[in-house]
Amino acid sequence: MKHFLLLLFLTLLAPTLQAQAPISDATIAAFYDRLPVVQTPRYQLERGLQRQLIRSDFSTADLAGLQLKGRQLVRVDLVYTAFHRDPKFNQRQLNLDRLRNLADRLPNLLTNDALTWNLVEQAGCRTPETCQDYFHGFVLYFEPYYTAIDNSVEAVRLSAALSLRTAKLATARKARTRRGVPVPCGYPLSQYKLKDLTRRVKRSYACPSKQPQTITFRATVSRRGQLESVRITDTLAACPEALAQSLRESLSFATGFRVGKEQFGFEVTGRVQLPLRRHGLTLTGYLLPDSIIRKYRIQLNVKNCTARRLRPGEPADSADLPNPDADIVTKVLARHPDWDKKVIVADVTGSMSPYTLDLLTWLQLSLQQQRRTFVFFNDGDDAPDDKKRIGSTGGLYAIRTARFDSLQLRLLDAMRHGGGGDAPENDGEAVREALRRAPDAREIILLADNHTFPRDFRLLLNLPVPLRIILCGASNYVNPRYLILGRRPGITLHTLAGDLPDLHDLPEGTTINILRVQYLVTATGLKPVKLL
C-alpha cells in the first residue's frame, strides 16, 4: 500500500482529561489504552500538511527547535515496529514512556480536543537490521494559523484564480453554437390586474397594527393555476396568518407556467406594502423546478422568458458546462442531483481556500436565476481564541441571492475579516444561522475542513432537516470525530471518493470500508481493524 493513515477514535462525549503536573501514570495509561492498534507494512508520511518528525530517542534539546508560532498542531502519529527479538519485551510500556516523555515537554498535549491521534504499528520488517531503517517515534502534523491578514492574501489569490477559470468558461461558452429549437414560453396569466388584486387583499385583510411595513411572501401554484399554499417569508410581519389567508383568498391564476404545449406548476414571490394603497401589492418573480429549467434551457427575464428544446443527440448548453478544474465540491454536488441545493454553509478560513475556489466555480455554472441562501463563516472575525464562545463566536456572513457577483463579494468579505485562528471552527453556529434565515430549508449543505472538528458540534445535533457534510481534505482519511457525528440520524458524510450516507443504520458486527481502512461496527462506534 502506497499510503496509509490509521483513523483513531476519541469519543466525543468522553470527559476531557485534566492537565496535571506531573501527569500521572494512570492518566497516561488511560489515554493510551483508548487507542486501537492497527498495522501497516511501513509508515508513509501524509502529504498536504506541514510535519515534523520526533524520533523515539528525542530529548528536550530536540524539541527546542519546534516552532509552533504561526501554525497549530492538528495531528500526532505514534509510530513503532511490531518486531522484537526478546519475547519478554513490553511494547506497551515503551510506548507509554515515549508518550510521557513527549507530554511532559509539550503542555496540554493530552487535553487538546482539536488533535487527532494515530497509533501506527509497522509490520513490514522481520530482523533487527531491516527494522533499523524504519521510523520510530512521533510525527507531528501542523496547519498554518491563519489571521485576517493571511486570509486577505488568500482572498486576493482566490480572486485571481477565479478570473482565470472565468476566462476558461467564457471561451467554452463562446465556442458553443446556438443549439436547439425555440419553444414558446410564457409567464402565468393572473385572473386579476394588480390594482384589482390589491383591492381584494385590502378588503379581506384586517390587522390592528398600522405600522408601515413591506412584507414578502411566496405562493405555490399548480400547473392548472390553482393556488396551493401561501407562506409569509418576512419573520417580523404583523399579523402574518391574517395576511396569508387574505392572499390565499385573493391570488388566482388562469394558467400554469406555459412552456411549449405544456403547463407546469410554479412558485410566485411578491411583496405587500402596508398600509395597502393602489400599488401596494407586487409580484416579484416566478420560479420553476431546476429539472424544467434544464430541460427547456429556460431564461427568466424581467418581462418574459425564453426557452429552447435540444434536438436528439445535441450536447447540453452552458447549464451543463463542466468545471475545468473540478474538485470535491463540484464532484459531490454533481453526483447528487437529488439534493435541494438552496442553502449552503461554507467554512472560508485560510485552509479552505482551494475548496472555496471550487465552490465559486460550481456556483458560476449552476446559479442561473434561482436565489440561494449562503452563510460563510470565518470563526469569529479574528477574535482571540480564548474569547470564542459556543453559539456566539461570530464571523458569519449571510446572503440570499441569485447573483454570482453579489455572493462572491460577500464571501471575499468574510475571508478578509478573519482567518480562523485556532483549529476548531464554529460550523454549528453557522448552520443554525442558515436555518434562521431559511426556515423553509429542506436540507443544509455544509463545507467543512476534515482536518479539524467544530468546537460547537452539539449545535449540529437534532436539526430539523438533513445535514450533508462535504469533508474537504479527506483524501486519505476521515476525521474520526466526523465518523462519530455521521452515526447520528439525519447527518451524512461525503468525500471525494464516495458517500457515507447511512452510518447510523449499520448493525453491530458488520464491517465497512472507508477510504483505505476497514472498520468493525461496535456498540461505541467504528473500530479500525484492517488496512486495505
Protein backbone atom coordinates (compact mmCIF):
# COMPACT_ATOMS: atom_id res chain seq x y z
CA MET A 1 0.00 0.00 0.00
CA LYS A 2 1.45 3.31 -1.13
CA HIS A 3 -0.07 5.42 1.59
CA PHE A 4 -1.58 4.75 4.98
CA LEU A 5 -3.39 6.64 7.66
CA LEU A 6 -4.89 4.98 10.69
CA LEU A 7 -8.07 6.54 11.96
CA LEU A 8 -8.18 6.80 15.73
CA PHE A 9 -11.48 7.22 17.52
CA LEU A 10 -11.66 9.53 20.52
CA THR A 11 -15.24 9.59 21.69
CA LEU A 12 -16.94 12.98 21.53
CA LEU A 13 -18.78 12.65 24.77
CA ALA A 14 -15.96 11.33 26.93
CA PRO A 15 -14.81 13.77 29.62
CA THR A 16 -11.58 15.53 28.73
CA LEU A 17 -8.51 14.64 30.69
CA GLN A 18 -7.47 17.09 33.34
CA ALA A 19 -4.00 18.57 32.86
CA GLN A 20 -1.74 17.85 35.84
CA ALA A 21 1.90 18.48 36.64
CA PRO A 22 3.32 15.92 36.55
CA ILE A 23 0.90 13.78 34.56
CA SER A 24 0.01 10.64 36.48
CA ASP A 25 0.79 7.15 35.22
CA ALA A 26 -2.93 6.35 35.36
CA THR A 27 -3.74 9.30 33.08
CA ILE A 28 -1.10 8.32 30.55
CA ALA A 29 -2.23 4.68 30.58
CA ALA A 30 -5.94 5.53 30.28
CA PHE A 31 -5.23 7.78 27.32
CA TYR A 32 -3.02 5.22 25.59
CA ASP A 33 -5.35 2.27 26.16
CA ARG A 34 -8.13 4.02 24.23
CA LEU A 35 -6.03 3.81 21.08
CA PRO A 36 -6.69 0.77 18.87
CA VAL A 37 -3.62 -0.82 17.28
CA VAL A 38 -3.67 -1.16 13.51
CA GLN A 39 -0.79 -2.42 11.39
CA THR A 40 0.77 -1.16 8.19
CA PRO A 41 3.77 -2.59 6.32
CA ARG A 42 5.72 0.66 6.63
CA TYR A 43 4.71 4.14 7.75
CA GLN A 44 4.21 6.68 4.99
CA LEU A 45 4.15 10.41 5.66
CA GLU A 46 0.91 12.24 4.99
CA ARG A 47 1.05 14.82 2.23
CA GLY A 48 -0.71 18.16 2.22
CA LEU A 49 0.18 19.12 5.79
CA GLN A 50 3.29 20.58 7.39
CA ARG A 51 5.03 17.98 9.53
CA GLN A 52 7.91 17.42 11.91
CA LEU A 53 9.49 14.10 12.90
CA ILE A 54 10.42 13.49 16.53
CA ARG A 55 12.46 10.28 16.82
CA SER A 56 11.86 7.97 19.75
CA ASP A 57 15.14 8.88 21.49
CA PHE A 58 14.39 12.62 21.43
CA SER A 59 15.48 14.94 24.19
CA THR A 60 14.42 18.37 25.37
CA ALA A 61 17.01 19.84 23.06
CA ASP A 62 15.37 18.16 20.10
CA LEU A 63 12.08 19.87 20.92
CA ALA A 64 13.72 23.26 21.41
CA GLY A 65 13.64 23.82 17.67
CA LEU A 66 9.94 23.01 17.44
CA GLN A 67 8.35 26.19 16.08
CA LEU A 68 4.65 26.49 16.90
CA LYS A 69 4.35 30.21 16.25
CA GLY A 70 2.24 30.82 13.17
CA ARG A 71 0.97 27.25 12.99
CA GLN A 72 -1.11 24.82 15.05
CA LEU A 73 -0.78 21.14 15.82
CA VAL A 74 -3.67 19.11 14.36
CA ARG A 75 -2.44 15.50 14.44
CA VAL A 76 0.05 13.27 16.25
CA ASP A 77 1.14 9.84 14.98
CA LEU A 78 2.97 7.48 17.34
CA VAL A 79 4.92 5.07 15.11
CA TYR A 80 6.77 1.85 16.08
CA THR A 81 7.51 -1.62 14.70
CA ALA A 82 5.86 -4.90 15.68
CA PHE A 83 9.11 -6.90 15.53
CA HIS A 84 11.01 -7.60 18.74
CA ARG A 85 13.64 -10.26 19.48
CA ASP A 86 13.03 -10.69 23.22
CA PRO A 87 9.67 -12.42 23.96
CA LYS A 88 9.56 -10.55 27.27
CA PHE A 89 9.79 -7.20 25.53
CA ASN A 90 6.92 -4.86 26.58
CA GLN A 91 5.96 -2.63 23.65
CA ARG A 92 3.10 -1.07 25.57
CA GLN A 93 5.37 0.12 28.36
CA LEU A 94 7.88 1.52 25.88
CA ASN A 95 5.12 3.45 24.11
CA LEU A 96 3.83 4.74 27.45
CA ASP A 97 7.30 6.02 28.29
CA ARG A 98 7.56 7.70 24.90
CA LEU A 99 4.14 9.27 25.31
CA ARG A 100 5.01 10.58 28.78
CA ASN A 101 8.30 11.95 27.51
CA LEU A 102 6.51 13.96 24.83
CA ALA A 103 3.56 15.04 27.01
CA ASP A 104 5.88 16.31 29.75
CA ARG A 105 7.62 18.57 27.25
CA LEU A 106 4.54 19.76 25.34
CA PRO A 107 1.98 21.10 27.86
CA ASN A 108 -1.72 20.29 27.30
CA LEU A 109 -0.89 17.75 24.61
CA LEU A 110 -3.26 15.14 26.03
CA THR A 111 -6.05 17.61 26.77
CA ASN A 112 -6.14 19.25 23.33
CA ASP A 113 -9.52 18.19 21.93
CA ALA A 114 -8.59 19.50 18.49
CA LEU A 115 -5.93 16.81 17.99
CA THR A 116 -6.33 13.54 16.12
CA TRP A 117 -4.09 10.75 17.44
CA ASN A 118 -2.89 7.84 15.32
CA LEU A 119 -1.18 4.71 16.67
CA VAL A 120 0.77 3.01 13.89
CA GLU A 121 2.38 -0.42 14.18
CA GLN A 122 4.73 -1.24 11.30
CA ALA A 123 4.80 -4.94 10.41
CA GLY A 124 6.97 -4.93 7.31
CA CYS A 125 10.33 -5.87 8.86
CA ARG A 126 11.41 -9.15 10.41
CA THR A 127 15.02 -8.62 11.53
CA PRO A 128 16.80 -6.02 13.67
CA GLU A 129 18.82 -4.98 10.63
CA THR A 130 15.82 -4.25 8.41
CA CYS A 131 13.79 -2.69 11.22
CA GLN A 132 16.62 -0.27 11.95
CA ASP A 133 15.75 1.72 8.81
CA TYR A 134 12.10 2.08 9.85
CA PHE A 135 10.99 5.26 11.58
CA HIS A 136 10.25 5.05 15.33
CA GLY A 137 8.78 7.97 17.20
CA PHE A 138 6.24 10.74 16.73
CA VAL A 139 5.18 12.57 13.60
CA LEU A 140 3.59 15.96 14.32
CA TYR A 141 1.33 17.47 11.66
CA PHE A 142 0.52 21.18 11.52
CA GLU A 143 -1.71 23.62 9.74
CA PRO A 144 -0.89 27.33 9.41
CA TYR A 145 -2.50 29.61 11.99
CA TYR A 146 -4.41 31.97 9.71
CA THR A 147 -5.21 35.56 10.68
CA ALA A 148 -7.38 38.10 8.87
CA ILE A 149 -4.25 39.43 7.16
CA ASP A 150 -3.30 35.94 5.97
CA ASN A 151 -6.81 35.31 4.73
CA SER A 152 -6.87 38.65 2.90
CA VAL A 153 -3.84 37.48 0.94
CA GLU A 154 -5.67 34.20 0.24
CA ALA A 155 -8.69 36.20 -0.95
CA VAL A 156 -6.52 38.03 -3.49
CA ARG A 157 -5.09 34.74 -4.75
CA LEU A 158 -8.54 33.20 -4.91
CA SER A 159 -9.88 36.14 -6.95
CA ALA A 160 -7.01 35.86 -9.42
CA ALA A 161 -7.53 32.10 -9.80
CA LEU A 162 -11.26 32.58 -10.24
CA SER A 163 -10.63 35.14 -13.00
CA LEU A 164 -8.60 32.55 -14.90
CA ARG A 165 -11.36 29.97 -14.53
CA THR A 166 -13.95 32.53 -15.62
CA ALA A 167 -11.95 33.15 -18.78
CA LYS A 168 -11.87 29.40 -19.48
CA LEU A 169 -15.62 29.17 -19.04
CA ALA A 170 -16.25 32.19 -21.26
CA THR A 171 -14.13 30.65 -24.02
CA ALA A 172 -16.00 27.34 -23.74
CA ARG A 173 -19.38 29.09 -23.88
CA LYS A 174 -18.40 31.20 -26.87
CA ALA A 175 -17.32 28.08 -28.75
CA ARG A 176 -20.79 26.63 -28.48
CA THR A 177 -23.29 27.38 -31.20
CA ARG A 178 -26.90 28.32 -30.59
CA ARG A 179 -28.47 24.88 -30.46
CA GLY A 180 -31.99 23.68 -30.08
CA VAL A 181 -35.44 24.62 -31.35
CA PRO A 182 -37.20 27.70 -29.93
CA VAL A 183 -40.14 26.82 -27.70
CA PRO A 184 -42.94 29.24 -26.72
CA CYS A 185 -42.59 30.33 -23.11
CA GLY A 186 -44.99 32.49 -21.13
CA TYR A 187 -45.45 33.60 -17.55
CA PRO A 188 -48.70 32.51 -15.84
CA LEU A 189 -51.74 34.67 -16.52
CA SER A 190 -53.32 36.23 -13.44
CA GLN A 191 -57.11 36.29 -13.10
CA TYR A 192 -56.91 39.92 -11.96
CA LYS A 193 -54.91 43.02 -12.68
CA LEU A 194 -52.60 44.03 -9.86
CA LYS A 195 -54.71 47.01 -8.84
CA ASP A 196 -57.80 44.77 -8.60
CA LEU A 197 -55.82 42.14 -6.73
CA THR A 198 -54.65 44.80 -4.27
CA ARG A 199 -58.26 45.85 -3.63
CA ARG A 200 -59.25 42.23 -2.99
CA VAL A 201 -56.47 41.78 -0.44
CA LYS A 202 -57.29 45.11 1.23
CA ARG A 203 -60.96 44.17 1.65
CA SER A 204 -60.22 40.85 3.37
CA TYR A 205 -57.12 41.75 5.40
CA ALA A 206 -57.61 43.02 8.93
CA CYS A 207 -54.79 43.76 11.35
CA PRO A 208 -54.71 46.08 14.39
CA SER A 209 -51.17 47.21 13.56
CA LYS A 210 -50.97 50.34 11.39
CA GLN A 211 -47.17 50.46 11.30
CA PRO A 212 -45.78 50.86 7.74
CA GLN A 213 -44.21 47.59 6.59
CA THR A 214 -43.02 45.84 3.45
CA ILE A 215 -43.83 42.13 3.78
CA THR A 216 -42.59 39.43 1.41
CA PHE A 217 -44.44 36.23 0.57
CA ARG A 218 -44.14 33.09 -1.56
CA ALA A 219 -47.01 31.10 -3.06
CA THR A 220 -47.11 27.64 -4.65
CA VAL A 221 -49.38 27.21 -7.68
CA SER A 222 -50.39 24.04 -9.55
CA ARG A 223 -49.97 23.52 -13.28
CA ARG A 224 -53.62 24.47 -13.74
CA GLY A 225 -53.14 27.78 -11.96
CA GLN A 226 -54.74 26.69 -8.69
CA LEU A 227 -53.26 28.22 -5.57
CA GLU A 228 -51.88 25.51 -3.26
CA SER A 229 -50.17 27.41 -0.45
CA VAL A 230 -49.04 30.85 0.68
CA ARG A 231 -46.19 31.50 3.07
CA ILE A 232 -45.18 34.83 4.60
CA THR A 233 -41.37 34.91 4.38
CA ASP A 234 -40.86 38.04 6.49
CA THR A 235 -40.44 36.82 10.07
CA LEU A 236 -41.21 40.27 11.54
CA ALA A 237 -44.51 40.72 9.72
CA ALA A 238 -47.52 41.94 11.71
CA CYS A 239 -50.49 39.55 11.61
CA PRO A 240 -48.79 37.10 9.20
CA GLU A 241 -51.58 34.49 9.34
CA ALA A 242 -54.24 37.07 8.51
CA LEU A 243 -52.23 38.33 5.54
CA ALA A 244 -51.52 34.80 4.31
CA GLN A 245 -55.22 33.96 4.49
CA SER A 246 -56.12 37.13 2.57
CA LEU A 247 -53.58 36.27 -0.15
CA ARG A 248 -54.95 32.71 -0.35
CA GLU A 249 -58.42 34.11 -0.96
CA SER A 250 -57.26 36.73 -3.48
CA LEU A 251 -54.44 35.29 -5.60
CA SER A 252 -55.75 33.49 -8.66
CA PHE A 253 -54.17 32.42 -11.94
CA ALA A 254 -55.82 31.40 -15.18
CA THR A 255 -52.92 29.18 -16.27
CA GLY A 256 -49.81 27.46 -15.06
CA PHE A 257 -46.32 28.35 -16.29
CA ARG A 258 -46.54 27.78 -20.04
CA VAL A 259 -43.65 26.13 -21.92
CA GLY A 260 -44.46 24.87 -25.40
CA LYS A 261 -47.76 22.99 -25.26
CA GLU A 262 -47.34 22.12 -21.59
CA GLN A 263 -48.12 23.91 -18.35
CA PHE A 264 -46.14 23.46 -15.17
CA GLY A 265 -46.64 24.19 -11.52
CA PHE A 266 -44.57 27.09 -10.21
CA GLU A 267 -43.81 29.36 -7.28
CA VAL A 268 -44.52 33.07 -7.30
CA THR A 269 -42.90 35.61 -5.00
CA GLY A 270 -44.21 39.02 -4.10
CA ARG A 271 -44.34 41.82 -1.57
CA VAL A 272 -47.06 43.77 0.15
CA GLN A 273 -46.56 47.36 1.33
CA LEU A 274 -48.67 48.20 4.36
CA PRO A 275 -50.88 50.08 4.76
CA LEU A 276 -52.25 48.94 1.40
CA ARG A 277 -52.67 51.52 -1.34
CA ARG A 278 -53.22 51.42 -5.11
CA HIS A 279 -49.87 49.76 -5.96
CA GLY A 280 -49.24 48.14 -2.62
CA LEU A 281 -49.04 44.57 -3.93
CA THR A 282 -46.36 43.47 -6.38
CA LEU A 283 -45.46 40.08 -7.86
CA THR A 284 -41.66 40.00 -7.95
CA GLY A 285 -40.83 36.74 -9.71
CA TYR A 286 -41.71 33.24 -10.86
CA LEU A 287 -39.72 30.09 -10.07
CA LEU A 288 -39.67 26.73 -11.83
CA PRO A 289 -38.04 23.43 -10.76
CA ASP A 290 -34.41 23.00 -11.84
CA SER A 291 -35.34 19.98 -13.95
CA ILE A 292 -37.74 22.03 -16.13
CA ILE A 293 -35.27 24.89 -16.49
CA ARG A 294 -32.54 22.48 -17.65
CA LYS A 295 -34.83 20.53 -19.95
CA TYR A 296 -36.02 23.61 -21.86
CA ARG A 297 -32.95 25.81 -21.31
CA ILE A 298 -35.24 28.46 -19.85
CA GLN A 299 -34.03 32.01 -19.29
CA LEU A 300 -36.23 34.11 -16.99
CA ASN A 301 -36.17 37.84 -17.72
CA VAL A 302 -37.97 40.78 -16.16
CA LYS A 303 -40.91 40.80 -18.57
CA ASN A 304 -40.77 37.47 -20.37
CA CYS A 305 -38.97 34.17 -20.66
CA THR A 306 -37.24 32.27 -23.46
CA ALA A 307 -36.93 28.52 -23.96
CA ARG A 308 -35.22 26.16 -26.39
CA ARG A 309 -35.56 22.39 -26.65
CA LEU A 310 -32.43 20.50 -27.65
CA ARG A 311 -32.72 18.17 -30.64
CA PRO A 312 -31.97 14.46 -30.06
CA GLY A 313 -28.23 13.92 -29.77
CA GLU A 314 -27.36 17.58 -29.24
CA PRO A 315 -25.00 18.20 -26.29
CA ALA A 316 -26.24 20.27 -23.40
CA ASP A 317 -25.60 24.01 -23.27
CA SER A 318 -23.89 26.17 -20.65
CA ALA A 319 -26.03 24.76 -17.82
CA ASP A 320 -24.00 21.59 -18.17
CA LEU A 321 -20.67 23.26 -18.89
CA PRO A 322 -18.06 21.28 -16.95
CA ASN A 323 -15.92 22.79 -14.25
CA PRO A 324 -12.46 22.93 -15.87
CA ASP A 325 -10.75 22.20 -12.53
CA ALA A 326 -13.38 20.21 -10.64
CA ASP A 327 -12.60 19.23 -7.05
CA ILE A 328 -14.59 17.69 -4.20
CA VAL A 329 -17.33 20.35 -4.03
CA THR A 330 -18.21 20.14 -7.72
CA LYS A 331 -17.96 16.34 -7.83
CA VAL A 332 -20.07 15.68 -4.74
CA LEU A 333 -22.78 18.12 -5.80
CA ALA A 334 -22.77 16.74 -9.34
CA ARG A 335 -23.36 13.18 -8.14
CA HIS A 336 -26.31 14.33 -6.03
CA PRO A 337 -28.88 15.93 -8.37
CA ASP A 338 -31.46 14.84 -5.78
CA TRP A 339 -30.23 17.35 -3.21
CA ASP A 340 -32.01 20.62 -2.67
CA LYS A 341 -29.06 22.99 -3.07
CA LYS A 342 -30.75 26.17 -1.90
CA VAL A 343 -28.95 26.51 1.46
CA ILE A 344 -25.15 26.26 1.55
CA VAL A 345 -22.91 26.88 4.57
CA ALA A 346 -19.16 27.15 3.94
CA ASP A 347 -16.05 27.39 6.08
CA VAL A 348 -13.93 30.13 4.42
CA THR A 349 -10.99 30.10 6.82
CA GLY A 350 -7.48 30.08 5.35
CA SER A 351 -7.02 26.32 5.00
CA MET A 352 -10.20 26.05 2.92
CA SER A 353 -9.12 28.31 0.03
CA PRO A 354 -8.82 25.55 -2.64
CA TYR A 355 -12.31 24.28 -1.86
CA THR A 356 -13.73 27.81 -1.71
CA LEU A 357 -12.46 28.31 -5.25
CA ASP A 358 -14.15 25.07 -6.31
CA LEU A 359 -17.42 26.22 -4.70
CA LEU A 360 -17.31 29.56 -6.53
CA THR A 361 -16.64 27.85 -9.84
CA TRP A 362 -19.57 25.47 -9.33
CA LEU A 363 -21.82 28.39 -8.45
CA GLN A 364 -20.81 30.20 -11.62
CA LEU A 365 -22.10 27.24 -13.57
CA SER A 366 -25.26 26.50 -11.61
CA LEU A 367 -26.79 29.62 -10.07
CA GLN A 368 -28.98 30.58 -13.05
CA GLN A 369 -31.96 32.58 -11.79
CA GLN A 370 -32.62 30.76 -8.53
CA ARG A 371 -31.99 32.51 -5.25
CA ARG A 372 -30.00 30.59 -2.68
CA THR A 373 -29.15 31.24 0.95
CA PHE A 374 -25.46 31.22 1.84
CA VAL A 375 -23.69 31.53 5.17
CA PHE A 376 -19.92 31.95 5.02
CA PHE A 377 -18.05 31.75 8.33
CA ASN A 378 -14.52 32.59 9.48
CA ASP A 379 -14.71 31.62 13.18
CA GLY A 380 -15.04 34.96 14.89
CA ASP A 381 -13.64 37.77 12.72
CA ASP A 382 -10.15 37.19 14.16
CA ALA A 383 -11.38 37.28 17.76
CA PRO A 384 -8.87 35.95 20.33
CA ASP A 385 -9.27 32.19 20.73
CA ASP A 386 -9.99 32.46 24.46
CA LYS A 387 -12.90 34.84 23.75
CA LYS A 388 -14.76 32.47 21.42
CA ARG A 389 -18.00 31.16 22.93
CA ILE A 390 -20.24 28.37 21.72
CA GLY A 391 -23.15 29.83 19.78
CA SER A 392 -21.83 33.41 19.78
CA THR A 393 -18.38 33.26 18.19
CA GLY A 394 -19.47 35.38 15.23
CA GLY A 395 -17.78 35.88 11.89
CA LEU A 396 -20.92 34.86 9.99
CA TYR A 397 -21.63 36.44 6.60
CA ALA A 398 -25.01 35.57 5.15
CA ILE A 399 -26.65 36.46 1.85
CA ARG A 400 -29.65 35.32 -0.16
CA THR A 401 -29.18 35.95 -3.84
CA ALA A 402 -29.18 34.59 -7.38
CA ARG A 403 -26.41 36.98 -8.46
CA PHE A 404 -22.95 35.47 -8.58
CA ASP A 405 -21.14 38.80 -8.24
CA SER A 406 -23.05 39.59 -5.04
CA LEU A 407 -22.29 36.29 -3.33
CA GLN A 408 -18.64 36.44 -4.43
CA LEU A 409 -18.26 39.86 -2.78
CA ARG A 410 -19.91 38.56 0.38
CA LEU A 411 -17.63 35.52 0.50
CA LEU A 412 -14.49 37.60 -0.01
CA ASP A 413 -15.68 39.97 2.69
CA ALA A 414 -15.88 37.03 5.10
CA MET A 415 -12.37 35.94 4.17
CA ARG A 416 -10.88 39.41 4.67
CA HIS A 417 -12.32 39.79 8.17
CA GLY A 418 -10.91 36.60 9.71
CA GLY A 419 -8.57 33.71 9.11
CA GLY A 420 -9.98 31.20 11.58
CA GLY A 421 -7.35 31.32 14.32
CA ASP A 422 -7.26 28.02 16.22
CA ALA A 423 -8.16 24.72 14.57
CA PRO A 424 -11.77 24.19 15.73
CA GLU A 425 -14.36 26.31 13.88
CA ASN A 426 -17.95 27.45 14.53
CA ASP A 427 -19.70 25.27 11.93
CA GLY A 428 -22.68 24.62 14.21
CA GLU A 429 -23.33 28.30 14.79
CA ALA A 430 -23.23 28.94 11.03
CA VAL A 431 -25.67 26.10 10.31
CA ARG A 432 -28.10 27.43 12.92
CA GLU A 433 -27.86 30.88 11.33
CA ALA A 434 -28.68 29.37 7.94
CA LEU A 435 -31.79 27.73 9.40
CA ARG A 436 -32.85 31.04 10.95
CA ARG A 437 -32.53 32.81 7.61
CA ALA A 438 -34.10 29.98 5.59
CA PRO A 439 -36.74 28.37 7.83
CA ASP A 440 -38.18 26.62 4.78
CA ALA A 441 -34.89 24.79 4.08
CA ARG A 442 -35.28 21.14 3.09
CA GLU A 443 -31.65 20.30 3.83
CA ILE A 444 -28.36 22.03 4.64
CA ILE A 445 -25.12 21.50 2.73
CA LEU A 446 -22.03 22.17 4.89
CA LEU A 447 -18.50 22.51 3.51
CA ALA A 448 -16.22 21.52 6.40
CA ASP A 449 -12.49 21.05 6.98
CA ASN A 450 -11.75 17.36 7.55
CA HIS A 451 -8.53 18.14 9.43
CA THR A 452 -10.38 19.98 12.21
CA PHE A 453 -13.65 19.50 14.06
CA PRO A 454 -16.27 22.07 15.14
CA ARG A 455 -15.95 23.26 18.72
CA ASP A 456 -19.74 23.68 18.67
CA PHE A 457 -20.57 20.26 17.19
CA ARG A 458 -23.51 19.90 19.59
CA LEU A 459 -25.30 22.60 17.58
CA LEU A 460 -25.23 20.20 14.63
CA LEU A 461 -27.26 17.60 16.50
CA ASN A 462 -31.05 17.22 16.27
CA LEU A 463 -31.50 19.56 13.32
CA PRO A 464 -35.00 19.75 11.78
CA VAL A 465 -33.61 18.96 8.29
CA PRO A 466 -30.91 16.63 6.91
CA LEU A 467 -27.32 17.86 7.12
CA ARG A 468 -24.98 16.95 4.21
CA ILE A 469 -21.35 17.42 5.28
CA ILE A 470 -18.82 17.63 2.45
CA LEU A 471 -15.45 16.83 4.05
CA CYS A 472 -12.80 18.90 2.31
CA GLY A 473 -9.29 17.47 2.53
CA ALA A 474 -10.46 13.90 3.22
CA SER A 475 -8.30 12.35 0.53
CA ASN A 476 -6.69 9.65 2.71
CA TYR A 477 -8.72 9.50 5.90
CA VAL A 478 -11.90 10.71 7.53
CA ASN A 479 -11.51 12.57 10.79
CA PRO A 480 -12.68 10.09 13.46
CA ARG A 481 -14.86 12.70 15.14
CA TYR A 482 -16.80 13.20 11.91
CA LEU A 483 -17.34 9.45 11.69
CA ILE A 484 -18.90 9.54 15.14
CA LEU A 485 -21.02 12.52 14.11
CA GLY A 486 -22.05 10.67 10.95
CA ARG A 487 -23.57 7.92 13.13
CA ARG A 488 -26.31 10.36 14.14
CA PRO A 489 -29.57 10.09 12.15
CA GLY A 490 -30.06 12.94 9.71
CA ILE A 491 -26.32 13.53 9.15
CA THR A 492 -24.49 12.19 6.09
CA LEU A 493 -20.79 12.46 5.20
CA HIS A 494 -19.38 12.91 1.70
CA THR A 495 -15.81 12.71 0.42
CA LEU A 496 -14.19 12.95 -2.98
CA ALA A 497 -14.06 9.14 -3.13
CA GLY A 498 -17.68 8.47 -2.18
CA ASP A 499 -20.59 8.91 0.21
CA LEU A 500 -21.21 7.65 3.75
CA PRO A 501 -24.96 8.20 3.96
CA ASP A 502 -26.22 5.53 6.35
CA LEU A 503 -23.63 5.04 9.10
CA HIS A 504 -26.36 5.12 11.76
CA ASP A 505 -28.09 2.11 10.18
CA LEU A 506 -25.07 -0.20 10.31
CA PRO A 507 -25.68 -3.17 12.66
CA GLU A 508 -23.07 -4.22 15.19
CA GLY A 509 -20.59 -6.80 13.95
CA THR A 510 -20.60 -5.69 10.32
CA THR A 511 -17.60 -4.21 8.55
CA ILE A 512 -17.38 -1.21 6.25
CA ASN A 513 -14.55 0.08 4.07
CA ILE A 514 -13.89 3.81 4.26
CA LEU A 515 -11.11 5.04 2.01
CA ARG A 516 -8.14 2.79 2.92
CA VAL A 517 -9.27 1.31 6.20
CA GLN A 518 -11.77 -1.42 7.09
CA TYR A 519 -13.86 -0.77 10.18
CA LEU A 520 -15.78 -3.01 12.53
CA VAL A 521 -19.10 -1.62 13.75
CA THR A 522 -19.20 -1.81 17.57
CA ALA A 523 -21.57 -0.55 20.23
CA THR A 524 -19.40 2.54 20.69
CA GLY A 525 -18.68 3.36 17.05
CA LEU A 526 -16.43 2.28 14.21
CA LYS A 527 -13.21 0.50 15.15
CA PRO A 528 -10.40 0.31 12.55
CA VAL A 529 -9.34 -3.32 12.14
CA LYS A 530 -7.61 -3.71 8.79
CA LEU A 531 -5.74 -1.72 6.19
CA LEU A 532 -6.93 -2.12 2.62
